[in-house]
Amino acid sequence: MRDITVEKITDSVKKLCMDATRFIGDDVLSSLKVAQEGEKWPIAKDILADLITNYEIAASENLPMCQDTGMVYCEVEIGQEVHIVGGTLEKAINDGVALGYTEGYLRKSVVSDPIERINTKNNTPAVITYKIVEGENLKITVAPKGFGSENMSQLKMLKPSDGLEGVKEFVLKVVKEAGPNPCPPIVVGVGIGGTFDRVALLAKQAAIRNVDSFNSKPYYEKLERELLESVNALGIGPQGFGGKTTALKVNIEIFPTHIAGLPVAVNINCHAARHKSVVL
């Protein structure tokens, strides 16, 4: 059994919140540079160059890369041999979010009630998911999710007879309807299978997966590549001004499902695809 203190967790989450909003991932930055070099439409090429410059300024000035610093999605993988000392894991995480957003002067965008709309003033609570794994480590991933992209996401309970073509059609429909709203070039997270609630989580996990990664199953890696080509053929382009870079990546996550169902969810991420992880 390994002890991990709540203070260590809080400090780590605080830093993750600040870093995720200020420093772009190497995978995203590299993908944007490749896209910028390959664009022939001058406006698209210039916009991608501006995005890259924005990221460089954010990193050098230690400032948020976007004014919408998001609502925090936090993914926790906790080893069975881990013992949290000094308090509860959930409070430690939310304390870290509160400190990260207040001390980091990040925009507080969370309201305590979806109808009454009263701001919590520290961007808590985070949306936290937990996975119990083997070992004595604690992995925390923080993904500040802006709602320009989150609002464009959709879920549909397809019929099994809709099959693969139904999945493809739905993904393209969601991206087409989203248009310029999620700040393309986007990362398209696709969840397939499970239940109504699980498929949404799969799509979220896919949306924050690195853009230089692929599904471990060759069938779904091929589908990721095919869907990316189809999405980019829509011609929405960077920030909606046209071009061949509507998306940087399509990521797919799957889960077994019922014989009578084919749930599909699409969770769109903006061009920043912000997320940072730590292993304690």
C-alpha atoms as a PDB file:
ATOM      1  CA  MET A   1       0.000   0.000   0.000  1.00  0.00           C
ATOM      2  CA  ARG A   2       1.320   3.450  -0.983  1.00  0.00           C
ATOM      3  CA  ASP A   3       0.217   6.678   0.691  1.00  0.00           C
ATOM      4  CA  ILE A   4      -0.446   9.810  -1.367  1.00  0.00           C
ATOM      5  CA  THR A   5      -1.415  12.973   0.481  1.00  0.00           C
ATOM      6  CA  VAL A   6      -4.273  15.215  -0.549  1.00  0.00           C
ATOM      7  CA  GLU A   7      -1.865  18.159  -0.483  1.00  0.00           C
ATOM      8  CA  LYS A   8       0.226  16.556  -3.219  1.00  0.00           C
ATOM      9  CA  ILE A   9      -2.890  15.905  -5.294  1.00  0.00           C
ATOM     10  CA  THR A  10      -4.164  19.463  -4.873  1.00  0.00           C
ATOM     11  CA  ASP A  11      -0.819  20.976  -5.830  1.00  0.00           C
ATOM     12  CA  SER A  12      -0.588  18.721  -8.884  1.00  0.00           C
ATOM     13  CA  VAL A  13      -4.106  19.554 -10.108  1.00  0.00           C
ATOM     14  CA  LYS A  14      -3.472  23.270  -9.569  1.00  0.00           C
ATOM     15  CA  LYS A  15      -0.399  23.080 -11.815  1.00  0.00           C
ATOM     16  CA  LEU A  16      -2.199  20.948 -14.413  1.00  0.00           C
ATOM     17  CA  CYS A  17      -4.992  23.528 -14.714  1.00  0.00           C
ATOM     18  CA  MET A  18      -2.522  26.343 -15.270  1.00  0.00           C
ATOM     19  CA  ASP A  19      -0.301  24.400 -17.657  1.00  0.00           C
ATOM     20  CA  ALA A  20      -3.167  22.975 -19.744  1.00  0.00           C
ATOM     21  CA  THR A  21      -4.556  26.446 -20.431  1.00  0.00           C
ATOM     22  CA  ARG A  22      -1.156  28.027 -21.189  1.00  0.00           C
ATOM     23  CA  PHE A  23       1.002  25.427 -22.918  1.00  0.00           C
ATOM     24  CA  ILE A  24      -0.155  23.613 -26.044  1.00  0.00           C
ATOM     25  CA  GLY A  25       0.652  19.934 -26.407  1.00  0.00           C
ATOM     26  CA  ASP A  26       3.597  19.034 -28.628  1.00  0.00           C
ATOM     27  CA  ASP A  27       1.321  16.687 -30.596  1.00  0.00           C
ATOM     28  CA  VAL A  28      -1.144  19.472 -31.429  1.00  0.00           C
ATOM     29  CA  LEU A  29       1.526  22.026 -32.264  1.00  0.00           C
ATOM     30  CA  SER A  30       3.307  19.591 -34.572  1.00  0.00           C
ATOM     31  CA  SER A  31       0.035  18.705 -36.305  1.00  0.00           C
ATOM     32  CA  LEU A  32      -0.830  22.372 -36.847  1.00  0.00           C
ATOM     33  CA  LYS A  33       2.580  23.052 -38.375  1.00  0.00           C
ATOM     34  CA  VAL A  34       2.193  20.133 -40.790  1.00  0.00           C
ATOM     35  CA  ALA A  35      -1.299  21.353 -41.727  1.00  0.00           C
ATOM     36  CA  GLN A  36      -0.048  24.912 -42.229  1.00  0.00           C
ATOM     37  CA  GLU A  37       2.683  23.746 -44.579  1.00  0.00           C
ATOM     38  CA  GLY A  38       0.214  21.663 -46.575  1.00  0.00           C
ATOM     39  CA  GLU A  39      -2.513  24.301 -46.987  1.00  0.00           C
ATOM     40  CA  LYS A  40      -2.753  25.899 -50.437  1.00  0.00           C
ATOM     41  CA  TRP A  41      -5.639  28.272 -49.627  1.00  0.00           C
ATOM     42  CA  PRO A  42      -3.873  31.506 -48.491  1.00  0.00           C
ATOM     43  CA  ILE A  43      -6.480  32.462 -45.882  1.00  0.00           C
ATOM     44  CA  ALA A  44      -6.369  28.996 -44.302  1.00  0.00           C
ATOM     45  CA  LYS A  45      -2.576  29.046 -44.339  1.00  0.00           C
ATOM     46  CA  ASP A  46      -2.501  32.445 -42.637  1.00  0.00           C
ATOM     47  CA  ILE A  47      -5.027  31.439 -39.980  1.00  0.00           C
ATOM     48  CA  LEU A  48      -3.035  28.346 -39.062  1.00  0.00           C
ATOM     49  CA  ALA A  49       0.091  30.502 -38.828  1.00  0.00           C
ATOM     50  CA  ASP A  50      -1.790  32.886 -36.512  1.00  0.00           C
ATOM     51  CA  LEU A  51      -2.882  29.999 -34.280  1.00  0.00           C
ATOM     52  CA  ILE A  52       0.700  28.779 -34.004  1.00  0.00           C
ATOM     53  CA  THR A  53       1.866  32.298 -33.152  1.00  0.00           C
ATOM     54  CA  ASN A  54      -0.861  32.566 -30.515  1.00  0.00           C
ATOM     55  CA  TYR A  55       0.360  29.374 -28.845  1.00  0.00           C
ATOM     56  CA  GLU A  56       3.943  30.593 -28.883  1.00  0.00           C
ATOM     57  CA  ILE A  57       2.961  33.914 -27.280  1.00  0.00           C
ATOM     58  CA  ALA A  58       0.856  32.139 -24.626  1.00  0.00           C
ATOM     59  CA  ALA A  59       3.808  29.938 -23.683  1.00  0.00           C
ATOM     60  CA  SER A  60       6.408  32.719 -23.672  1.00  0.00           C
ATOM     61  CA  GLU A  61       4.208  35.160 -21.713  1.00  0.00           C
ATOM     62  CA  ASN A  62       2.733  32.446 -19.453  1.00  0.00           C
ATOM     63  CA  LEU A  63      -0.804  33.462 -20.411  1.00  0.00           C
ATOM     64  CA  PRO A  64      -3.938  31.471 -21.328  1.00  0.00           C
ATOM     65  CA  MET A  65      -4.034  30.573 -25.014  1.00  0.00           C
ATOM     66  CA  CYS A  66      -7.785  31.295 -25.110  1.00  0.00           C
ATOM     67  CA  GLN A  67     -10.148  33.517 -23.111  1.00  0.00           C
ATOM     68  CA  ASP A  68     -12.466  30.520 -22.534  1.00  0.00           C
ATOM     69  CA  THR A  69     -10.453  28.529 -20.019  1.00  0.00           C
ATOM     70  CA  GLY A  70     -13.208  25.935 -19.946  1.00  0.00           C
ATOM     71  CA  MET A  71     -14.931  23.647 -17.505  1.00  0.00           C
ATOM     72  CA  VAL A  72     -12.524  21.074 -16.128  1.00  0.00           C
ATOM     73  CA  TYR A  73     -12.951  17.446 -17.113  1.00  0.00           C
ATOM     74  CA  CYS A  74     -10.696  15.365 -14.866  1.00  0.00           C
ATOM     75  CA  GLU A  75      -9.891  11.722 -15.553  1.00  0.00           C
ATOM     76  CA  VAL A  76      -8.473   9.732 -12.654  1.00  0.00           C
ATOM     77  CA  GLU A  77      -6.783   6.323 -12.829  1.00  0.00           C
ATOM     78  CA  ILE A  78      -6.139   5.112  -9.306  1.00  0.00           C
ATOM     79  CA  GLY A  79      -4.131   2.029  -8.473  1.00  0.00           C
ATOM     80  CA  GLN A  80      -5.671  -0.495  -6.084  1.00  0.00           C
ATOM     81  CA  GLU A  81      -2.632  -0.162  -3.826  1.00  0.00           C
ATOM     82  CA  VAL A  82      -3.022   3.608  -3.383  1.00  0.00           C
ATOM     83  CA  HIS A  83      -4.199   5.065  -0.071  1.00  0.00           C
ATOM     84  CA  ILE A  84      -5.289   8.723  -0.043  1.00  0.00           C
ATOM     85  CA  VAL A  85      -4.134  10.409   3.171  1.00  0.00           C
ATOM     86  CA  GLY A  86      -5.487  13.548   4.839  1.00  0.00           C
ATOM     87  CA  GLY A  87      -8.881  13.874   3.207  1.00  0.00           C
ATOM     88  CA  THR A  88     -10.923  12.785   0.203  1.00  0.00           C
ATOM     89  CA  LEU A  89      -9.678  12.471  -3.362  1.00  0.00           C
ATOM     90  CA  GLU A  90     -12.573  14.423  -4.858  1.00  0.00           C
ATOM     91  CA  LYS A  91     -12.155  17.382  -2.528  1.00  0.00           C
ATOM     92  CA  ALA A  92      -8.418  17.409  -3.183  1.00  0.00           C
ATOM     93  CA  ILE A  93      -9.043  17.594  -6.928  1.00  0.00           C
ATOM     94  CA  ASN A  94     -11.628  20.360  -6.647  1.00  0.00           C
ATOM     95  CA  ASP A  95      -9.365  22.293  -4.268  1.00  0.00           C
ATOM     96  CA  GLY A  96      -6.651  22.081  -6.917  1.00  0.00           C
ATOM     97  CA  VAL A  97      -9.001  23.354  -9.615  1.00  0.00           C
ATOM     98  CA  ALA A  98     -10.082  26.260  -7.403  1.00  0.00           C
ATOM     99  CA  LEU A  99      -6.476  27.244  -6.689  1.00  0.00           C
ATOM    100  CA  GLY A 100      -5.433  26.859 -10.302  1.00  0.00           C
ATOM    101  CA  TYR A 101      -8.182  29.138 -11.548  1.00  0.00           C
ATOM    102  CA  THR A 102      -7.967  31.766  -8.809  1.00  0.00           C
ATOM    103  CA  GLU A 103      -4.188  31.991  -8.391  1.00  0.00           C
ATOM    104  CA  GLY A 104      -3.678  31.542 -12.133  1.00  0.00           C
ATOM    105  CA  TYR A 105      -6.163  34.318 -12.961  1.00  0.00           C
ATOM    106  CA  LEU A 106      -8.055  32.006 -15.308  1.00  0.00           C
ATOM    107  CA  ARG A 107     -11.614  32.833 -16.300  1.00  0.00           C
ATOM    108  CA  LYS A 108     -14.207  31.313 -13.987  1.00  0.00           C
ATOM    109  CA  SER A 109     -16.959  29.925 -16.193  1.00  0.00           C
ATOM    110  CA  VAL A 110     -18.840  27.430 -13.992  1.00  0.00           C
ATOM    111  CA  VAL A 111     -22.303  28.140 -12.572  1.00  0.00           C
ATOM    112  CA  SER A 112     -23.619  26.241  -9.554  1.00  0.00           C
ATOM    113  CA  ASP A 113     -27.040  25.562 -11.047  1.00  0.00           C
ATOM    114  CA  PRO A 114     -27.856  25.140 -14.754  1.00  0.00           C
ATOM    115  CA  ILE A 115     -31.040  27.226 -14.452  1.00  0.00           C
ATOM    116  CA  GLU A 116     -30.279  29.780 -11.723  1.00  0.00           C
ATOM    117  CA  ARG A 117     -26.846  30.524 -13.302  1.00  0.00           C
ATOM    118  CA  ILE A 118     -24.957  31.576 -10.162  1.00  0.00           C
ATOM    119  CA  ASN A 119     -21.192  31.601 -10.760  1.00  0.00           C
ATOM    120  CA  THR A 120     -19.155  29.479  -8.321  1.00  0.00           C
ATOM    121  CA  LYS A 121     -16.297  32.007  -8.614  1.00  0.00           C
ATOM    122  CA  ASN A 122     -13.532  29.364  -8.698  1.00  0.00           C
ATOM    123  CA  ASN A 123     -14.508  27.165 -11.679  1.00  0.00           C
ATOM    124  CA  THR A 124     -15.499  24.215  -9.509  1.00  0.00           C
ATOM    125  CA  PRO A 125     -16.783  21.603  -9.455  1.00  0.00           C
ATOM    126  CA  ALA A 126     -14.813  19.648 -11.997  1.00  0.00           C
ATOM    127  CA  VAL A 127     -16.419  16.765 -13.880  1.00  0.00           C
ATOM    128  CA  ILE A 128     -14.441  13.794 -12.546  1.00  0.00           C
ATOM    129  CA  THR A 129     -14.351  10.189 -13.734  1.00  0.00           C
ATOM    130  CA  TYR A 130     -12.582   7.373 -11.923  1.00  0.00           C
ATOM    131  CA  LYS A 131     -11.012   4.142 -13.109  1.00  0.00           C
ATOM    132  CA  ILE A 132      -9.566   1.566 -10.712  1.00  0.00           C
ATOM    133  CA  VAL A 133      -6.404  -0.052 -12.084  1.00  0.00           C
ATOM    134  CA  GLU A 134      -3.606  -2.271 -10.839  1.00  0.00           C
ATOM    135  CA  GLY A 135      -0.595  -0.889  -9.040  1.00  0.00           C
ATOM    136  CA  GLU A 136       0.289   1.922  -6.658  1.00  0.00           C
ATOM    137  CA  ASN A 137       0.214   4.971  -8.914  1.00  0.00           C
ATOM    138  CA  LEU A 138      -2.327   7.721  -9.331  1.00  0.00           C
ATOM    139  CA  LYS A 139      -2.693   9.247 -12.803  1.00  0.00           C
ATOM    140  CA  ILE A 140      -4.648  12.482 -13.183  1.00  0.00           C
ATOM    141  CA  THR A 141      -5.536  14.045 -16.520  1.00  0.00           C
ATOM    142  CA  VAL A 142      -6.988  17.551 -16.581  1.00  0.00           C
ATOM    143  CA  ALA A 143      -8.782  18.753 -19.713  1.00  0.00           C
ATOM    144  CA  PRO A 144     -10.217  22.287 -19.593  1.00  0.00           C
ATOM    145  CA  LYS A 145     -13.075  22.065 -22.120  1.00  0.00           C
ATOM    146  CA  GLY A 146     -14.390  25.226 -23.727  1.00  0.00           C
ATOM    147  CA  PHE A 147     -18.081  25.275 -24.544  1.00  0.00           C
ATOM    148  CA  GLY A 148     -17.757  26.677 -28.055  1.00  0.00           C
ATOM    149  CA  SER A 149     -16.786  23.135 -28.978  1.00  0.00           C
ATOM    150  CA  GLU A 150     -18.685  21.295 -26.230  1.00  0.00           C
ATOM    151  CA  ASN A 151     -21.985  22.797 -27.394  1.00  0.00           C
ATOM    152  CA  MET A 152     -21.494  21.300 -30.857  1.00  0.00           C
ATOM    153  CA  SER A 153     -21.411  17.715 -29.566  1.00  0.00           C
ATOM    154  CA  GLN A 154     -24.233  15.246 -30.214  1.00  0.00           C
ATOM    155  CA  LEU A 155     -25.348  11.723 -29.292  1.00  0.00           C
ATOM    156  CA  LYS A 156     -27.613   9.355 -31.185  1.00  0.00           C
ATOM    157  CA  MET A 157     -28.963   5.894 -30.422  1.00  0.00           C
ATOM    158  CA  LEU A 158     -28.671   4.280 -33.837  1.00  0.00           C
ATOM    159  CA  LYS A 159     -30.298   0.978 -34.745  1.00  0.00           C
ATOM    160  CA  PRO A 160     -27.927  -1.954 -35.318  1.00  0.00           C
ATOM    161  CA  SER A 161     -29.229  -2.080 -38.888  1.00  0.00           C
ATOM    162  CA  ASP A 162     -27.811   1.430 -39.448  1.00  0.00           C
ATOM    163  CA  GLY A 163     -24.399  -0.184 -39.236  1.00  0.00           C
ATOM    164  CA  LEU A 164     -21.088   1.387 -40.130  1.00  0.00           C
ATOM    165  CA  GLU A 165     -22.598   3.671 -42.764  1.00  0.00           C
ATOM    166  CA  GLY A 166     -24.984   5.068 -40.169  1.00  0.00           C
ATOM    167  CA  VAL A 167     -22.055   5.832 -37.871  1.00  0.00           C
ATOM    168  CA  LYS A 168     -20.146   7.582 -40.666  1.00  0.00           C
ATOM    169  CA  GLU A 169     -23.167   9.629 -41.721  1.00  0.00           C
ATOM    170  CA  PHE A 170     -23.818  10.766 -38.157  1.00  0.00           C
ATOM    171  CA  VAL A 171     -20.218  11.847 -37.546  1.00  0.00           C
ATOM    172  CA  LEU A 172     -20.139  13.884 -40.751  1.00  0.00           C
ATOM    173  CA  LYS A 173     -23.565  15.389 -39.985  1.00  0.00           C
ATOM    174  CA  VAL A 174     -22.375  16.588 -36.564  1.00  0.00           C
ATOM    175  CA  VAL A 175     -19.202  18.158 -37.964  1.00  0.00           C
ATOM    176  CA  LYS A 176     -21.065  19.794 -40.843  1.00  0.00           C
ATOM    177  CA  GLU A 177     -23.693  21.274 -38.507  1.00  0.00           C
ATOM    178  CA  ALA A 178     -20.966  22.517 -36.172  1.00  0.00           C
ATOM    179  CA  GLY A 179     -19.319  24.434 -39.013  1.00  0.00           C
ATOM    180  CA  PRO A 180     -17.042  27.215 -37.728  1.00  0.00           C
ATOM    181  CA  ASN A 181     -18.517  27.302 -34.205  1.00  0.00           C
ATOM    182  CA  PRO A 182     -16.036  24.969 -32.434  1.00  0.00           C
ATOM    183  CA  CYS A 183     -12.983  26.905 -33.731  1.00  0.00           C
ATOM    184  CA  PRO A 184     -11.623  24.520 -36.337  1.00  0.00           C
ATOM    185  CA  PRO A 185      -9.357  22.801 -37.067  1.00  0.00           C
ATOM    186  CA  ILE A 186     -11.022  20.516 -34.561  1.00  0.00           C
ATOM    187  CA  VAL A 187     -10.353  17.187 -32.915  1.00  0.00           C
ATOM    188  CA  VAL A 188     -13.342  14.886 -33.360  1.00  0.00           C
ATOM    189  CA  GLY A 189     -13.902  12.412 -30.544  1.00  0.00           C
ATOM    190  CA  VAL A 190     -16.180   9.518 -31.500  1.00  0.00           C
ATOM    191  CA  GLY A 191     -17.623   7.024 -29.034  1.00  0.00           C
ATOM    192  CA  ILE A 192     -19.276   3.847 -30.309  1.00  0.00           C
ATOM    193  CA  GLY A 193     -21.070   1.278 -28.148  1.00  0.00           C
ATOM    194  CA  GLY A 194     -21.873   0.884 -24.489  1.00  0.00           C
ATOM    195  CA  THR A 195     -24.987   2.580 -23.149  1.00  0.00           C
ATOM    196  CA  PHE A 196     -26.461   6.092 -23.414  1.00  0.00           C
ATOM    197  CA  ASP A 197     -24.199   7.412 -20.659  1.00  0.00           C
ATOM    198  CA  ARG A 198     -21.093   5.359 -21.474  1.00  0.00           C
ATOM    199  CA  VAL A 199     -20.950   6.349 -25.128  1.00  0.00           C
ATOM    200  CA  ALA A 200     -20.767  10.035 -24.181  1.00  0.00           C
ATOM    201  CA  LEU A 201     -17.804   9.283 -21.921  1.00  0.00           C
ATOM    202  CA  LEU A 202     -16.119   7.327 -24.717  1.00  0.00           C
ATOM    203  CA  ALA A 203     -16.460  10.338 -27.011  1.00  0.00           C
ATOM    204  CA  LYS A 204     -14.981  12.631 -24.355  1.00  0.00           C
ATOM    205  CA  GLN A 205     -12.027  10.285 -23.840  1.00  0.00           C
ATOM    206  CA  ALA A 206     -11.506  10.164 -27.594  1.00  0.00           C
ATOM    207  CA  ALA A 207     -11.650  13.962 -27.880  1.00  0.00           C
ATOM    208  CA  ILE A 208      -8.784  14.454 -25.419  1.00  0.00           C
ATOM    209  CA  ARG A 209      -6.601  11.643 -26.746  1.00  0.00           C
ATOM    210  CA  ASN A 210      -3.370  12.801 -28.368  1.00  0.00           C
ATOM    211  CA  VAL A 211      -3.704  13.621 -32.057  1.00  0.00           C
ATOM    212  CA  ASP A 212      -0.611  11.558 -32.863  1.00  0.00           C
ATOM    213  CA  SER A 213      -2.197   8.387 -31.456  1.00  0.00           C
ATOM    214  CA  PHE A 214      -4.476   5.816 -33.089  1.00  0.00           C
ATOM    215  CA  ASN A 215      -6.992   3.251 -31.896  1.00  0.00           C
ATOM    216  CA  SER A 216      -5.165   0.041 -30.992  1.00  0.00           C
ATOM    217  CA  LYS A 217      -7.441  -2.034 -33.244  1.00  0.00           C
ATOM    218  CA  PRO A 218      -6.449  -1.854 -36.948  1.00  0.00           C
ATOM    219  CA  TYR A 219     -10.109  -1.795 -38.022  1.00  0.00           C
ATOM    220  CA  TYR A 220     -10.788   1.375 -36.028  1.00  0.00           C
ATOM    221  CA  GLU A 221      -7.456   2.966 -36.912  1.00  0.00           C
ATOM    222  CA  LYS A 222      -8.478   2.600 -40.557  1.00  0.00           C
ATOM    223  CA  LEU A 223     -11.879   4.119 -39.750  1.00  0.00           C
ATOM    224  CA  GLU A 224     -10.200   7.059 -37.958  1.00  0.00           C
ATOM    225  CA  ARG A 225      -8.142   7.775 -41.069  1.00  0.00           C
ATOM    226  CA  GLU A 226     -11.140   7.411 -43.373  1.00  0.00           C
ATOM    227  CA  LEU A 227     -13.347   9.707 -41.300  1.00  0.00           C
ATOM    228  CA  LEU A 228     -10.591  12.332 -41.063  1.00  0.00           C
ATOM    229  CA  GLU A 229     -10.350  12.381 -44.846  1.00  0.00           C
ATOM    230  CA  SER A 230     -14.133  12.708 -45.155  1.00  0.00           C
ATOM    231  CA  VAL A 231     -14.307  15.475 -42.530  1.00  0.00           C
ATOM    232  CA  ASN A 232     -11.554  17.473 -44.232  1.00  0.00           C
ATOM    233  CA  ALA A 233     -13.310  17.042 -47.581  1.00  0.00           C
ATOM    234  CA  LEU A 234     -16.181  19.126 -46.172  1.00  0.00           C
ATOM    235  CA  GLY A 235     -14.030  22.213 -46.808  1.00  0.00           C
ATOM    236  CA  ILE A 236     -15.010  24.085 -43.628  1.00  0.00           C
ATOM    237  CA  GLY A 237     -11.343  24.807 -42.995  1.00  0.00           C
ATOM    238  CA  PRO A 238      -9.533  26.734 -40.256  1.00  0.00           C
ATOM    239  CA  GLN A 239     -11.977  28.990 -38.385  1.00  0.00           C
ATOM    240  CA  GLY A 240     -14.567  28.249 -41.086  1.00  0.00           C
ATOM    241  CA  PHE A 241     -12.875  30.229 -43.888  1.00  0.00           C
ATOM    242  CA  GLY A 242     -12.354  27.242 -46.163  1.00  0.00           C
ATOM    243  CA  GLY A 243      -9.397  25.001 -46.770  1.00  0.00           C
ATOM    244  CA  LYS A 244      -8.517  21.365 -46.398  1.00  0.00           C
ATOM    245  CA  THR A 245      -7.864  21.380 -42.645  1.00  0.00           C
ATOM    246  CA  THR A 246     -11.247  21.136 -40.936  1.00  0.00           C
ATOM    247  CA  ALA A 247      -9.940  18.604 -38.410  1.00  0.00           C
ATOM    248  CA  LEU A 248      -6.533  17.663 -37.103  1.00  0.00           C
ATOM    249  CA  LYS A 249      -7.680  14.192 -36.069  1.00  0.00           C
ATOM    250  CA  VAL A 250     -10.634  11.868 -35.618  1.00  0.00           C
ATOM    251  CA  ASN A 251     -10.227   9.621 -32.567  1.00  0.00           C
ATOM    252  CA  ILE A 252     -12.484   6.650 -31.878  1.00  0.00           C
ATOM    253  CA  GLU A 253     -13.093   4.774 -28.623  1.00  0.00           C
ATOM    254  CA  ILE A 254     -15.378   1.740 -28.434  1.00  0.00           C
ATOM    255  CA  PHE A 255     -17.143  -0.434 -25.840  1.00  0.00           C
ATOM    256  CA  PRO A 256     -19.304  -3.582 -26.067  1.00  0.00           C
ATOM    257  CA  THR A 257     -23.020  -2.916 -26.401  1.00  0.00           C
ATOM    258  CA  HIS A 258     -26.444  -4.603 -26.382  1.00  0.00           C
ATOM    259  CA  ILE A 259     -27.678  -6.630 -29.367  1.00  0.00           C
ATOM    260  CA  ALA A 260     -30.496  -4.116 -29.859  1.00  0.00           C
ATOM    261  CA  GLY A 261     -28.388  -0.951 -29.834  1.00  0.00           C
ATOM    262  CA  LEU A 262     -25.705   1.032 -31.606  1.00  0.00           C
ATOM    263  CA  PRO A 263     -25.024   4.164 -29.522  1.00  0.00           C
ATOM    264  CA  VAL A 264     -22.814   6.801 -31.149  1.00  0.00           C
ATOM    265  CA  ALA A 265     -21.585  10.065 -29.645  1.00  0.00           C
ATOM    266  CA  VAL A 266     -19.450  12.835 -31.104  1.00  0.00           C
ATOM    267  CA  ASN A 267     -17.585  15.159 -28.744  1.00  0.00           C
ATOM    268  CA  ILE A 268     -15.798  17.944 -30.579  1.00  0.00           C
ATOM    269  CA  ASN A 269     -12.665  19.628 -29.270  1.00  0.00           C
ATOM    270  CA  CYS A 270     -11.310  22.948 -30.535  1.00  0.00           C
ATOM    271  CA  HIS A 271      -7.907  23.287 -32.197  1.00  0.00           C
ATOM    272  CA  ALA A 272      -6.164  23.594 -28.807  1.00  0.00           C
ATOM    273  CA  ALA A 273      -7.375  20.169 -27.567  1.00  0.00           C
ATOM    274  CA  ARG A 274      -6.107  21.169 -24.102  1.00  0.00           C
ATOM    275  CA  HIS A 275      -5.093  18.420 -21.682  1.00  0.00           C
ATOM    276  CA  LYS A 276      -2.232  17.654 -19.329  1.00  0.00           C
ATOM    277  CA  SER A 277      -1.477  14.587 -17.187  1.00  0.00           C
ATOM    278  CA  VAL A 278       0.602  13.688 -14.154  1.00  0.00           C
ATOM    279  CA  VAL A 279       1.449  10.355 -12.553  1.00  0.00           C
ATOM    280  CA  LEU A 280       1.913  10.457  -8.756  1.00  0.00           C
END
